[in-house]
């Protein structure tokens, strides 16, 4: 099935207010810059964003953040994004912080139809015990904190260990960037730009791939495909990766 669309504008035109969106990228690597710019122009607000971080240096997701279009973020870290930190501490945005590997696995699990899984990461910390601030009031007090999660013991390698239950993530849409994709949505990522992109793509009910190059079906070596087209609904060719 041909999934190629004419433009990034067309690719994100039906993302509604209040949608949840998984976004690939790590720092400035593998970020779907053009799709994010198109979403900014499109105007959707009240968004829930699932991403490793929320943009850097005023680029990428940081543009949506600056425009107050994001309501909630599930991420691994705030990083050096001062506006992200300001909005979080001022109670303007809700933030659910996840250990980085856990976030990646939550996205992959959601895409694989796995409702939840147990991991040792976070056991004995606020991640498992609850109490991590999710939203602050304007005066800095905590309005909402994370609840405690289920912890169980399993025997691994002959010894009992504790594991915390984490739920898979499924989002309304996913935006990712690939080096090469074919018209059926099969995609290849370049080096470290692979990062969160395959996991984010799997998690989206509607996944849009922004590819530097689009080729005809059959041109990609099946053994080199990182993301199967079964997870992709739209492909758009964006030759130039411009940080803006």
Protein backbone atom coordinates (compact mmCIF):
# COMPACT_ATOMS: atom_id res chain seq x y z
CA UNK A 1 0.00 0.00 0.00
CA UNK A 2 1.37 3.39 -0.99
CA UNK A 3 1.64 5.58 2.13
CA UNK A 4 3.47 8.55 0.62
CA UNK A 5 1.80 11.92 1.23
CA UNK A 6 2.53 15.15 -0.58
CA UNK A 7 3.73 17.35 2.28
CA UNK A 8 4.34 17.65 6.01
CA UNK A 9 1.28 19.91 6.17
CA UNK A 10 -0.89 17.09 4.83
CA UNK A 11 0.83 14.57 7.09
CA UNK A 12 -0.21 16.30 10.34
CA UNK A 13 -3.41 18.03 9.21
CA UNK A 14 -5.76 15.77 11.22
CA UNK A 15 -3.92 15.85 14.56
CA UNK A 16 -6.59 17.27 16.89
CA UNK A 17 -6.42 19.38 20.01
CA UNK A 18 -5.70 17.21 23.02
CA UNK A 19 -3.97 14.45 21.04
CA UNK A 20 -1.18 12.31 22.46
CA UNK A 21 1.96 12.15 20.30
CA UNK A 22 5.11 10.04 20.58
CA UNK A 23 8.09 11.86 19.06
CA UNK A 24 11.44 10.32 18.12
CA UNK A 25 14.83 11.88 18.64
CA UNK A 26 17.52 12.32 21.27
CA UNK A 27 18.87 15.84 21.75
CA UNK A 28 19.26 17.05 18.16
CA UNK A 29 19.72 13.60 16.62
CA UNK A 30 16.90 11.98 14.68
CA UNK A 31 14.32 14.66 15.45
CA UNK A 32 11.43 15.05 12.96
CA UNK A 33 12.05 18.80 12.63
CA UNK A 34 9.82 19.37 9.61
CA UNK A 35 6.82 17.51 11.04
CA UNK A 36 7.09 19.47 14.29
CA UNK A 37 7.21 22.75 12.36
CA UNK A 38 4.14 21.67 10.39
CA UNK A 39 2.33 20.77 13.61
CA UNK A 40 3.20 24.15 15.05
CA UNK A 41 1.71 25.85 12.00
CA UNK A 42 -1.32 23.56 12.11
CA UNK A 43 -2.30 24.87 15.55
CA UNK A 44 -3.19 21.82 17.67
CA UNK A 45 -2.86 22.51 21.40
CA UNK A 46 -3.44 20.78 24.73
CA UNK A 47 -1.07 18.05 23.57
CA UNK A 48 0.41 15.16 25.51
CA UNK A 49 3.92 14.51 24.23
CA UNK A 50 5.95 11.35 24.86
CA UNK A 51 9.61 11.88 24.02
CA UNK A 52 13.07 11.49 25.47
CA UNK A 53 13.21 15.25 26.06
CA UNK A 54 11.16 18.27 25.06
CA UNK A 55 13.45 19.96 22.54
CA UNK A 56 16.66 21.92 22.91
CA UNK A 57 17.86 25.45 22.16
CA UNK A 58 14.40 26.62 21.16
CA UNK A 59 14.17 24.02 18.38
CA UNK A 60 11.95 21.02 17.76
CA UNK A 61 9.44 20.35 20.52
CA UNK A 62 10.74 23.42 22.34
CA UNK A 63 8.80 25.52 19.80
CA UNK A 64 5.51 23.89 20.82
CA UNK A 65 6.50 24.27 24.46
CA UNK A 66 7.25 27.97 23.97
CA UNK A 67 3.83 28.43 22.37
CA UNK A 68 2.15 26.73 25.37
CA UNK A 69 0.72 24.04 23.13
CA UNK A 70 1.84 21.13 25.33
CA UNK A 71 -0.24 20.18 28.35
CA UNK A 72 1.59 17.07 29.54
CA UNK A 73 4.98 15.48 28.90
CA UNK A 74 6.23 11.95 29.52
CA UNK A 75 10.01 12.15 29.20
CA UNK A 76 13.36 10.97 30.53
CA UNK A 77 14.84 14.32 31.48
CA UNK A 78 14.46 18.06 31.31
CA UNK A 79 18.05 18.58 30.23
CA UNK A 80 19.15 22.17 29.64
CA UNK A 81 15.72 23.30 28.49
CA UNK A 82 15.17 26.23 30.84
CA UNK A 83 11.67 26.97 29.53
CA UNK A 84 10.65 23.37 30.14
CA UNK A 85 11.91 23.61 33.74
CA UNK A 86 10.23 26.98 34.25
CA UNK A 87 6.82 25.78 33.02
CA UNK A 88 7.06 22.63 35.12
CA UNK A 89 7.98 24.44 38.33
CA UNK A 90 5.37 27.16 37.67
CA UNK A 91 2.57 24.61 37.30
CA UNK A 92 1.98 25.35 33.62
CA UNK A 93 2.73 21.82 32.46
CA UNK A 94 2.52 18.30 33.85
CA UNK A 95 5.64 16.15 33.71
CA UNK A 96 6.00 12.42 34.23
CA UNK A 97 9.69 11.54 34.40
CA UNK A 98 10.71 7.98 33.47
CA UNK A 99 14.07 6.22 33.56
CA UNK A 100 15.32 6.35 29.98
CA UNK A 101 15.35 2.61 29.32
CA UNK A 102 11.94 2.23 30.93
CA UNK A 103 10.50 4.91 28.66
CA UNK A 104 11.89 3.21 25.57
CA UNK A 105 10.48 -0.14 26.66
CA UNK A 106 7.07 1.36 27.52
CA UNK A 107 6.82 2.67 23.96
CA UNK A 108 8.00 -0.60 22.43
CA UNK A 109 5.68 -2.62 24.66
CA UNK A 110 2.68 -0.48 23.75
CA UNK A 111 3.42 -0.98 20.07
CA UNK A 112 3.80 -4.72 20.56
CA UNK A 113 0.43 -5.02 22.32
CA UNK A 114 1.99 -5.65 25.74
CA UNK A 115 -0.09 -3.99 28.42
CA UNK A 116 2.60 -3.93 31.10
CA UNK A 117 5.92 -5.44 32.16
CA UNK A 118 8.11 -5.76 35.23
CA UNK A 119 11.55 -4.15 35.47
CA UNK A 120 14.10 -3.82 38.29
CA UNK A 121 14.79 -0.21 37.29
CA UNK A 122 13.37 2.18 39.86
CA UNK A 123 12.84 -0.31 42.68
CA UNK A 124 13.53 1.32 46.04
CA UNK A 125 13.14 4.84 44.63
CA UNK A 126 10.32 7.32 44.19
CA UNK A 127 9.76 5.80 40.73
CA UNK A 128 8.29 2.73 42.45
CA UNK A 129 7.28 4.17 45.80
CA UNK A 130 5.47 7.20 44.40
CA UNK A 131 5.77 10.85 45.36
CA UNK A 132 7.48 12.27 42.29
CA UNK A 133 5.90 15.70 41.61
CA UNK A 134 3.78 15.58 38.44
CA UNK A 135 2.34 19.09 38.64
CA UNK A 136 3.13 22.12 40.78
CA UNK A 137 1.02 25.09 41.77
CA UNK A 138 2.14 28.58 40.80
CA UNK A 139 3.71 28.99 44.25
CA UNK A 140 5.82 25.88 43.78
CA UNK A 141 3.86 23.52 46.02
CA UNK A 142 3.11 20.06 44.67
CA UNK A 143 -0.46 19.66 43.42
CA UNK A 144 -0.20 16.13 42.05
CA UNK A 145 2.39 13.45 42.76
CA UNK A 146 2.95 10.05 41.20
CA UNK A 147 1.17 7.13 42.88
CA UNK A 148 3.01 4.05 44.14
CA UNK A 149 3.42 1.21 41.64
CA UNK A 150 3.03 -2.51 42.11
CA UNK A 151 6.26 -4.25 43.14
CA UNK A 152 6.65 -8.03 43.00
CA UNK A 153 9.40 -10.54 43.61
CA UNK A 154 10.61 -12.88 40.90
CA UNK A 155 13.37 -15.44 40.89
CA UNK A 156 16.03 -14.45 38.36
CA UNK A 157 19.28 -16.37 37.97
CA UNK A 158 18.54 -18.30 41.13
CA UNK A 159 17.87 -15.35 43.42
CA UNK A 160 14.83 -13.37 44.44
CA UNK A 161 14.68 -9.81 43.19
CA UNK A 162 12.07 -7.06 43.28
CA UNK A 163 10.56 -5.67 40.08
CA UNK A 164 8.24 -2.71 39.51
CA UNK A 165 5.26 -2.85 37.15
CA UNK A 166 5.36 -0.36 34.27
CA UNK A 167 2.57 0.11 31.73
CA UNK A 168 3.02 0.17 27.97
CA UNK A 169 2.37 3.44 26.14
CA UNK A 170 0.11 3.84 23.12
CA UNK A 171 -0.38 7.29 21.59
CA UNK A 172 -2.81 8.74 19.06
CA UNK A 173 0.02 9.75 16.71
CA UNK A 174 3.77 9.30 16.35
CA UNK A 175 6.23 11.53 14.50
CA UNK A 176 9.64 10.11 13.57
CA UNK A 177 12.58 10.88 11.28
CA UNK A 178 14.30 8.27 9.09
CA UNK A 179 17.23 8.37 6.70
CA UNK A 180 15.47 6.29 4.04
CA UNK A 181 11.95 4.91 3.73
CA UNK A 182 10.01 3.27 0.96
CA UNK A 183 6.46 4.06 -0.08
CA UNK A 184 5.16 1.22 2.10
CA UNK A 185 6.66 2.74 5.25
CA UNK A 186 9.63 0.43 5.76
CA UNK A 187 12.35 2.63 7.21
CA UNK A 188 16.08 2.75 7.89
CA UNK A 189 17.61 5.10 10.46
CA UNK A 190 21.15 6.48 10.34
CA UNK A 191 23.50 5.57 13.19
CA UNK A 192 22.57 7.26 16.48
CA UNK A 193 19.54 8.93 14.86
CA UNK A 194 17.86 5.56 15.34
CA UNK A 195 17.57 6.23 19.12
CA UNK A 196 13.88 6.46 20.19
CA UNK A 197 12.49 6.56 16.66
CA UNK A 198 11.55 2.86 16.15
CA UNK A 199 9.98 2.66 19.63
CA UNK A 200 8.02 5.89 19.16
CA UNK A 201 6.86 4.72 15.74
CA UNK A 202 5.55 1.45 17.16
CA UNK A 203 3.57 3.24 19.88
CA UNK A 204 1.53 5.48 17.56
CA UNK A 205 -1.89 4.48 16.26
CA UNK A 206 -1.11 6.75 13.32
CA UNK A 207 2.62 6.99 12.63
CA UNK A 208 4.16 9.53 10.28
CA UNK A 209 7.69 8.99 8.99
CA UNK A 210 9.64 12.02 7.80
CA UNK A 211 12.33 10.55 5.55
CA UNK A 212 15.35 12.22 4.03
CA UNK A 213 14.89 9.97 1.01
CA UNK A 214 11.92 7.94 -0.21
CA UNK A 215 12.56 4.98 -2.51
CA UNK A 216 10.39 2.50 -4.33
CA UNK A 217 9.32 -0.76 -2.66
CA UNK A 218 11.95 -3.44 -3.13
CA UNK A 219 14.91 -1.03 -3.05
CA UNK A 220 15.63 -1.60 0.64
CA UNK A 221 17.47 -4.71 1.75
CA UNK A 222 14.97 -6.44 4.08
CA UNK A 223 17.80 -7.37 6.46
CA UNK A 224 18.65 -3.69 6.92
CA UNK A 225 15.13 -2.42 7.67
CA UNK A 226 14.89 -1.04 11.23
CA UNK A 227 11.15 -0.29 11.22
CA UNK A 228 8.56 -2.38 9.44
CA UNK A 229 5.97 -0.56 7.35
CA UNK A 230 3.25 -2.36 9.31
CA UNK A 231 3.73 0.29 12.02
CA UNK A 232 3.59 3.23 9.58
CA UNK A 233 0.55 4.96 8.08
CA UNK A 234 2.16 7.97 6.34
CA UNK A 235 5.51 8.77 4.75
CA UNK A 236 6.67 12.21 3.66
CA UNK A 237 9.96 13.06 1.97
CA UNK A 238 11.94 15.88 3.57
CA UNK A 239 15.42 16.03 2.02
CA UNK A 240 16.83 18.78 4.19
CA UNK A 241 17.11 18.28 7.95
CA UNK A 242 16.99 21.84 9.23
CA UNK A 243 17.03 22.66 12.95
CA UNK A 244 14.48 25.41 13.41
